Amino acid sequence: MPLRGIRGAIDVARNSRAEILRATDRLLRAMVRENRVRPASVAAAIFSLTPDLDAEFPAIAARRLGWADVPLLCCAELPVPGAMRRVVRVLLLVNTRTPPGRIRHQYLGKTPRLRPDLNSGKEKR
């Protein structure tokens, strides 16, 4: 089965443990729902945070969803001048037969501007 990447991002209101986990949970649930991802098909997940977010590891949100056997990695985004602040990004690597053009990347909150080519601009609630 092909391995595909599903991208996502969400902005976080403030640098707190609760906010990082809440936002990451919301993003992961949207990515899974919109792409009909089964937890067993997730090969790995990579999380990145902008340098102004350091209160918690976003991977904890995935563990709370029951992803005990999924390899998870957290890292920091480059501190590029002018880049959007307080953003959690996720790259899910998923075994799926869904063609690349049918993957529904999720950019929630204020993040659709990061990748307007991958997001219709309409946030799913």
N, C-alpha and C. Protein backbone atom coordinates (compact mmCIF):
# COMPACT_ATOMS: atom_id res chain seq x y z
N MET A 1 0.86 -1.18 0.00
CA MET A 1 0.00 0.00 0.00
C MET A 1 0.90 1.24 0.00
N PRO A 2 0.55 2.26 -0.77
CA PRO A 2 1.37 3.48 -0.82
C PRO A 2 1.39 4.23 0.52
N LEU A 3 2.50 4.89 0.75
CA LEU A 3 2.66 5.76 1.91
C LEU A 3 2.41 7.20 1.45
N ARG A 4 1.50 7.90 2.11
CA ARG A 4 1.15 9.28 1.74
C ARG A 4 1.35 10.20 2.94
N GLY A 5 1.61 11.45 2.64
CA GLY A 5 1.73 12.47 3.68
C GLY A 5 0.47 13.31 3.75
N ILE A 6 0.02 13.55 4.95
CA ILE A 6 -1.11 14.45 5.18
C ILE A 6 -0.59 15.60 6.03
N ARG A 7 -0.73 16.82 5.51
CA ARG A 7 -0.22 18.01 6.20
C ARG A 7 -1.32 18.67 7.00
N GLY A 8 -0.90 19.35 8.06
CA GLY A 8 -1.85 20.12 8.85
C GLY A 8 -1.13 21.14 9.70
N ALA A 9 -1.87 22.18 10.08
CA ALA A 9 -1.33 23.22 10.96
C ALA A 9 -2.49 23.88 11.69
N ILE A 10 -2.16 24.41 12.85
CA ILE A 10 -3.14 25.14 13.66
C ILE A 10 -2.39 26.17 14.49
N ASP A 11 -3.00 27.32 14.69
CA ASP A 11 -2.39 28.33 15.56
C ASP A 11 -2.86 28.08 16.99
N VAL A 12 -2.00 28.47 17.92
CA VAL A 12 -2.24 28.26 19.34
C VAL A 12 -2.38 29.62 20.01
N ALA A 13 -3.38 29.77 20.85
CA ALA A 13 -3.67 31.07 21.48
C ALA A 13 -2.52 31.57 22.34
N ARG A 14 -1.92 30.66 23.11
CA ARG A 14 -0.79 31.07 23.97
C ARG A 14 0.09 29.86 24.26
N ASN A 15 1.29 30.14 24.71
CA ASN A 15 2.26 29.10 25.00
C ASN A 15 1.96 28.47 26.36
N SER A 16 1.00 27.56 26.37
CA SER A 16 0.69 26.83 27.60
C SER A 16 0.48 25.37 27.25
N ARG A 17 0.73 24.52 28.21
CA ARG A 17 0.56 23.08 28.03
C ARG A 17 -0.86 22.77 27.53
N ALA A 18 -1.85 23.32 28.22
CA ALA A 18 -3.24 23.04 27.88
C ALA A 18 -3.58 23.50 26.46
N GLU A 19 -3.12 24.67 26.07
CA GLU A 19 -3.45 25.19 24.73
C GLU A 19 -2.77 24.39 23.62
N ILE A 20 -1.53 24.01 23.83
CA ILE A 20 -0.82 23.21 22.82
C ILE A 20 -1.51 21.87 22.63
N LEU A 21 -1.87 21.21 23.73
CA LEU A 21 -2.54 19.91 23.64
C LEU A 21 -3.94 20.03 23.06
N ARG A 22 -4.68 21.06 23.44
CA ARG A 22 -6.03 21.26 22.91
C ARG A 22 -5.98 21.48 21.40
N ALA A 23 -5.10 22.36 20.95
CA ALA A 23 -5.01 22.66 19.52
C ALA A 23 -4.53 21.45 18.73
N THR A 24 -3.55 20.73 19.25
CA THR A 24 -3.03 19.56 18.55
C THR A 24 -4.09 18.47 18.46
N ASP A 25 -4.83 18.26 19.53
CA ASP A 25 -5.92 17.29 19.52
C ASP A 25 -6.94 17.65 18.44
N ARG A 26 -7.32 18.90 18.41
CA ARG A 26 -8.29 19.37 17.41
C ARG A 26 -7.79 19.13 15.99
N LEU A 27 -6.53 19.45 15.76
CA LEU A 27 -5.94 19.27 14.43
C LEU A 27 -5.87 17.80 14.05
N LEU A 28 -5.39 16.95 14.94
CA LEU A 28 -5.29 15.53 14.63
C LEU A 28 -6.65 14.92 14.34
N ARG A 29 -7.65 15.29 15.13
CA ARG A 29 -9.00 14.76 14.90
C ARG A 29 -9.53 15.18 13.53
N ALA A 30 -9.26 16.42 13.13
CA ALA A 30 -9.69 16.89 11.81
C ALA A 30 -8.97 16.14 10.70
N MET A 31 -7.67 15.93 10.85
CA MET A 31 -6.89 15.23 9.83
C MET A 31 -7.38 13.79 9.66
N VAL A 32 -7.64 13.13 10.77
CA VAL A 32 -8.12 11.75 10.75
C VAL A 32 -9.53 11.67 10.16
N ARG A 33 -10.41 12.54 10.62
CA ARG A 33 -11.81 12.54 10.16
C ARG A 33 -11.90 12.83 8.67
N GLU A 34 -11.26 13.88 8.23
CA GLU A 34 -11.39 14.32 6.84
C GLU A 34 -10.72 13.38 5.84
N ASN A 35 -9.81 12.54 6.33
CA ASN A 35 -9.12 11.61 5.44
C ASN A 35 -9.45 10.14 5.74
N ARG A 36 -10.41 9.94 6.63
CA ARG A 36 -10.84 8.58 7.01
C ARG A 36 -9.65 7.69 7.37
N VAL A 37 -8.79 8.22 8.21
CA VAL A 37 -7.58 7.51 8.63
C VAL A 37 -7.89 6.60 9.81
N ARG A 38 -7.48 5.35 9.70
CA ARG A 38 -7.56 4.42 10.82
C ARG A 38 -6.23 4.50 11.56
N PRO A 39 -6.24 4.51 12.88
CA PRO A 39 -4.98 4.59 13.63
C PRO A 39 -3.95 3.54 13.20
N ALA A 40 -4.39 2.34 12.85
CA ALA A 40 -3.46 1.29 12.44
C ALA A 40 -2.75 1.61 11.13
N SER A 41 -3.28 2.54 10.35
CA SER A 41 -2.64 2.88 9.07
C SER A 41 -1.63 4.02 9.20
N VAL A 42 -1.52 4.63 10.38
CA VAL A 42 -0.56 5.72 10.59
C VAL A 42 0.83 5.11 10.78
N ALA A 43 1.74 5.41 9.86
CA ALA A 43 3.10 4.89 9.93
C ALA A 43 3.97 5.71 10.88
N ALA A 44 3.75 7.03 10.91
CA ALA A 44 4.52 7.92 11.78
C ALA A 44 3.89 9.30 11.75
N ALA A 45 4.23 10.11 12.74
CA ALA A 45 3.77 11.50 12.78
C ALA A 45 4.92 12.38 13.22
N ILE A 46 5.09 13.47 12.50
CA ILE A 46 6.12 14.46 12.82
C ILE A 46 5.40 15.75 13.19
N PHE A 47 5.74 16.27 14.36
CA PHE A 47 5.16 17.51 14.87
C PHE A 47 6.24 18.57 14.92
N SER A 48 5.90 19.78 14.50
CA SER A 48 6.84 20.88 14.68
C SER A 48 6.11 22.05 15.32
N LEU A 49 6.86 22.81 16.07
CA LEU A 49 6.32 23.99 16.74
C LEU A 49 7.19 25.19 16.40
N THR A 50 6.56 26.34 16.30
CA THR A 50 7.34 27.56 16.13
C THR A 50 8.14 27.79 17.42
N PRO A 51 9.26 28.51 17.33
CA PRO A 51 10.14 28.67 18.49
C PRO A 51 9.48 29.28 19.73
N ASP A 52 8.36 29.96 19.55
CA ASP A 52 7.69 30.58 20.70
C ASP A 52 6.76 29.61 21.44
N LEU A 53 6.70 28.36 21.00
CA LEU A 53 5.91 27.34 21.69
C LEU A 53 6.85 26.28 22.26
N ASP A 54 6.92 26.23 23.58
CA ASP A 54 7.80 25.25 24.21
C ASP A 54 7.25 24.71 25.53
N ALA A 55 5.97 24.91 25.77
CA ALA A 55 5.38 24.50 27.05
C ALA A 55 5.04 23.01 27.11
N GLU A 56 4.95 22.34 25.96
CA GLU A 56 4.60 20.91 25.95
C GLU A 56 4.94 20.28 24.61
N PHE A 57 5.09 18.96 24.65
CA PHE A 57 5.29 18.18 23.42
C PHE A 57 3.92 17.91 22.80
N PRO A 58 3.69 18.30 21.55
CA PRO A 58 2.38 18.05 20.94
C PRO A 58 2.10 16.56 20.72
N ALA A 59 3.12 15.74 20.68
CA ALA A 59 2.93 14.30 20.50
C ALA A 59 2.09 13.69 21.62
N ILE A 60 2.05 14.32 22.76
CA ILE A 60 1.23 13.81 23.87
C ILE A 60 -0.23 13.73 23.45
N ALA A 61 -0.68 14.67 22.64
CA ALA A 61 -2.07 14.64 22.17
C ALA A 61 -2.34 13.38 21.36
N ALA A 62 -1.38 12.95 20.55
CA ALA A 62 -1.54 11.71 19.77
C ALA A 62 -1.57 10.50 20.70
N ARG A 63 -0.73 10.48 21.70
CA ARG A 63 -0.75 9.37 22.64
C ARG A 63 -2.10 9.29 23.35
N ARG A 64 -2.66 10.44 23.68
CA ARG A 64 -3.98 10.47 24.33
C ARG A 64 -5.09 9.96 23.41
N LEU A 65 -4.86 10.00 22.10
CA LEU A 65 -5.83 9.45 21.15
C LEU A 65 -5.67 7.94 20.99
N GLY A 66 -4.69 7.38 21.69
CA GLY A 66 -4.47 5.94 21.64
C GLY A 66 -3.41 5.49 20.67
N TRP A 67 -2.61 6.39 20.16
CA TRP A 67 -1.59 6.06 19.19
C TRP A 67 -0.33 5.55 19.90
N ALA A 68 -0.46 4.46 20.63
CA ALA A 68 0.64 3.93 21.43
C ALA A 68 1.75 3.32 20.59
N ASP A 69 1.41 2.76 19.43
CA ASP A 69 2.40 2.08 18.60
C ASP A 69 2.91 2.91 17.42
N VAL A 70 2.50 4.17 17.35
CA VAL A 70 2.90 5.04 16.25
C VAL A 70 4.18 5.79 16.63
N PRO A 71 5.23 5.71 15.81
CA PRO A 71 6.42 6.52 16.07
C PRO A 71 6.09 8.01 15.92
N LEU A 72 6.45 8.79 16.93
CA LEU A 72 6.16 10.22 16.95
C LEU A 72 7.45 11.00 17.15
N LEU A 73 7.55 12.15 16.51
CA LEU A 73 8.73 12.99 16.63
C LEU A 73 8.31 14.45 16.74
N CYS A 74 8.89 15.17 17.68
CA CYS A 74 8.65 16.60 17.84
C CYS A 74 9.93 17.36 17.50
N CYS A 75 9.78 18.49 16.84
CA CYS A 75 10.94 19.31 16.50
C CYS A 75 10.51 20.77 16.43
N ALA A 76 11.50 21.65 16.34
CA ALA A 76 11.24 23.09 16.28
C ALA A 76 11.37 23.59 14.84
N GLU A 77 10.48 24.48 14.46
CA GLU A 77 10.57 25.15 13.15
C GLU A 77 11.75 26.12 13.17
N LEU A 78 12.25 26.45 12.00
CA LEU A 78 13.30 27.46 11.91
C LEU A 78 12.73 28.83 12.28
N PRO A 79 13.49 29.64 12.98
CA PRO A 79 13.00 30.97 13.37
C PRO A 79 13.15 31.99 12.23
N VAL A 80 12.39 31.81 11.18
CA VAL A 80 12.47 32.67 10.00
C VAL A 80 11.80 34.02 10.33
N PRO A 81 12.50 35.14 10.09
CA PRO A 81 11.89 36.44 10.37
C PRO A 81 10.58 36.63 9.60
N GLY A 82 9.57 37.11 10.29
CA GLY A 82 8.28 37.37 9.68
C GLY A 82 7.35 36.17 9.58
N ALA A 83 7.82 34.99 10.00
CA ALA A 83 6.97 33.80 9.92
C ALA A 83 5.83 33.89 10.94
N MET A 84 4.75 33.19 10.64
CA MET A 84 3.60 33.16 11.53
C MET A 84 4.02 32.59 12.89
N ARG A 85 3.52 33.19 13.94
CA ARG A 85 3.88 32.79 15.30
C ARG A 85 2.86 31.81 15.88
N ARG A 86 3.28 31.09 16.90
CA ARG A 86 2.45 30.15 17.68
C ARG A 86 1.69 29.16 16.79
N VAL A 87 2.46 28.37 16.04
CA VAL A 87 1.86 27.39 15.12
C VAL A 87 2.40 25.99 15.42
N VAL A 88 1.48 25.04 15.48
CA VAL A 88 1.82 23.62 15.52
C VAL A 88 1.55 23.06 14.13
N ARG A 89 2.53 22.37 13.58
CA ARG A 89 2.38 21.71 12.29
C ARG A 89 2.50 20.21 12.49
N VAL A 90 1.80 19.46 11.64
CA VAL A 90 1.85 18.00 11.70
C VAL A 90 2.01 17.45 10.29
N LEU A 91 2.86 16.45 10.18
CA LEU A 91 2.95 15.66 8.96
C LEU A 91 2.65 14.22 9.36
N LEU A 92 1.49 13.72 8.96
CA LEU A 92 1.13 12.33 9.19
C LEU A 92 1.57 11.52 7.99
N LEU A 93 2.28 10.43 8.23
CA LEU A 93 2.64 9.50 7.18
C LEU A 93 1.70 8.31 7.33
N VAL A 94 0.88 8.10 6.30
CA VAL A 94 -0.23 7.15 6.39
C VAL A 94 -0.18 6.17 5.23
N ASN A 95 -0.39 4.90 5.53
CA ASN A 95 -0.54 3.88 4.49
C ASN A 95 -1.98 3.95 3.99
N THR A 96 -2.14 4.35 2.73
CA THR A 96 -3.48 4.53 2.17
C THR A 96 -3.47 4.39 0.66
N ARG A 97 -4.59 3.96 0.13
CA ARG A 97 -4.75 3.90 -1.31
C ARG A 97 -5.32 5.21 -1.88
N THR A 98 -5.62 6.15 -1.01
CA THR A 98 -6.13 7.44 -1.46
C THR A 98 -5.08 8.13 -2.33
N PRO A 99 -5.46 8.54 -3.54
CA PRO A 99 -4.49 9.23 -4.41
C PRO A 99 -4.07 10.57 -3.80
N PRO A 100 -2.85 11.02 -4.09
CA PRO A 100 -2.37 12.28 -3.52
C PRO A 100 -3.31 13.46 -3.73
N GLY A 101 -3.94 13.55 -4.87
CA GLY A 101 -4.84 14.66 -5.15
C GLY A 101 -6.13 14.65 -4.35
N ARG A 102 -6.40 13.56 -3.68
CA ARG A 102 -7.63 13.46 -2.88
C ARG A 102 -7.36 13.59 -1.38
N ILE A 103 -6.10 13.75 -1.01
CA ILE A 103 -5.75 13.97 0.41
C ILE A 103 -6.31 15.32 0.82
N ARG A 104 -6.92 15.38 1.98
CA ARG A 104 -7.51 16.63 2.49
C ARG A 104 -6.64 17.17 3.62
N HIS A 105 -5.68 18.00 3.25
CA HIS A 105 -4.80 18.63 4.23
C HIS A 105 -5.63 19.59 5.08
N GLN A 106 -5.26 19.75 6.34
CA GLN A 106 -6.06 20.54 7.27
C GLN A 106 -5.26 21.71 7.82
N TYR A 107 -5.68 22.89 7.47
CA TYR A 107 -5.08 24.12 7.99
C TYR A 107 -6.19 24.86 8.72
N LEU A 108 -6.12 24.85 10.05
CA LEU A 108 -7.20 25.36 10.89
C LEU A 108 -6.85 26.71 11.50
N GLY A 109 -7.88 27.38 11.97
CA GLY A 109 -7.67 28.69 12.60
C GLY A 109 -7.17 29.70 11.58
N LYS A 110 -6.06 30.35 11.90
CA LYS A 110 -5.49 31.37 11.01
C LYS A 110 -4.47 30.81 10.02
N THR A 111 -4.24 29.49 10.06
CA THR A 111 -3.15 28.93 9.26
C THR A 111 -3.43 28.67 7.78
N PRO A 112 -4.67 28.77 7.27
CA PRO A 112 -4.84 28.54 5.83
C PRO A 112 -3.95 29.43 4.97
N ARG A 113 -3.57 30.57 5.47
CA ARG A 113 -2.70 31.46 4.68
C ARG A 113 -1.30 30.88 4.49
N LEU A 114 -0.92 29.90 5.33
CA LEU A 114 0.38 29.27 5.17
C LEU A 114 0.47 28.46 3.88
N ARG A 115 -0.63 27.82 3.52
CA ARG A 115 -0.66 26.98 2.31
C ARG A 115 -2.00 27.10 1.62
N PRO A 116 -2.30 28.24 1.03
CA PRO A 116 -3.59 28.40 0.35
C PRO A 116 -3.79 27.40 -0.79
N ASP A 117 -2.69 26.89 -1.33
CA ASP A 117 -2.78 25.90 -2.40
C ASP A 117 -3.28 24.54 -1.91
N LEU A 118 -3.17 24.28 -0.61
CA LEU A 118 -3.60 23.00 -0.05
C LEU A 118 -4.90 23.10 0.73
N ASN A 119 -5.45 24.29 0.87
CA ASN A 119 -6.62 24.49 1.71
C ASN A 119 -7.61 25.38 0.99
N SER A 120 -8.84 25.01 1.05
CA SER A 120 -9.88 25.77 0.38
C SER A 120 -10.17 27.10 1.08
N GLY A 121 -9.64 27.27 2.29
CA GLY A 121 -9.93 28.47 3.07
C GLY A 121 -11.15 28.33 3.93
N LYS A 122 -11.85 27.20 3.82
CA LYS A 122 -13.02 26.94 4.63
C LYS A 122 -12.66 25.96 5.71
N GLU A 123 -12.62 26.43 6.92
CA GLU A 123 -12.26 25.56 8.03
C GLU A 123 -13.43 24.66 8.39
N LYS A 124 -13.12 23.38 8.59
CA LYS A 124 -14.12 22.42 9.02
C LYS A 124 -14.23 22.49 10.54
N ARG A 125 -15.42 22.53 11.04
CA ARG A 125 -15.65 22.58 12.50
C ARG A 125 -15.89 21.19 13.04
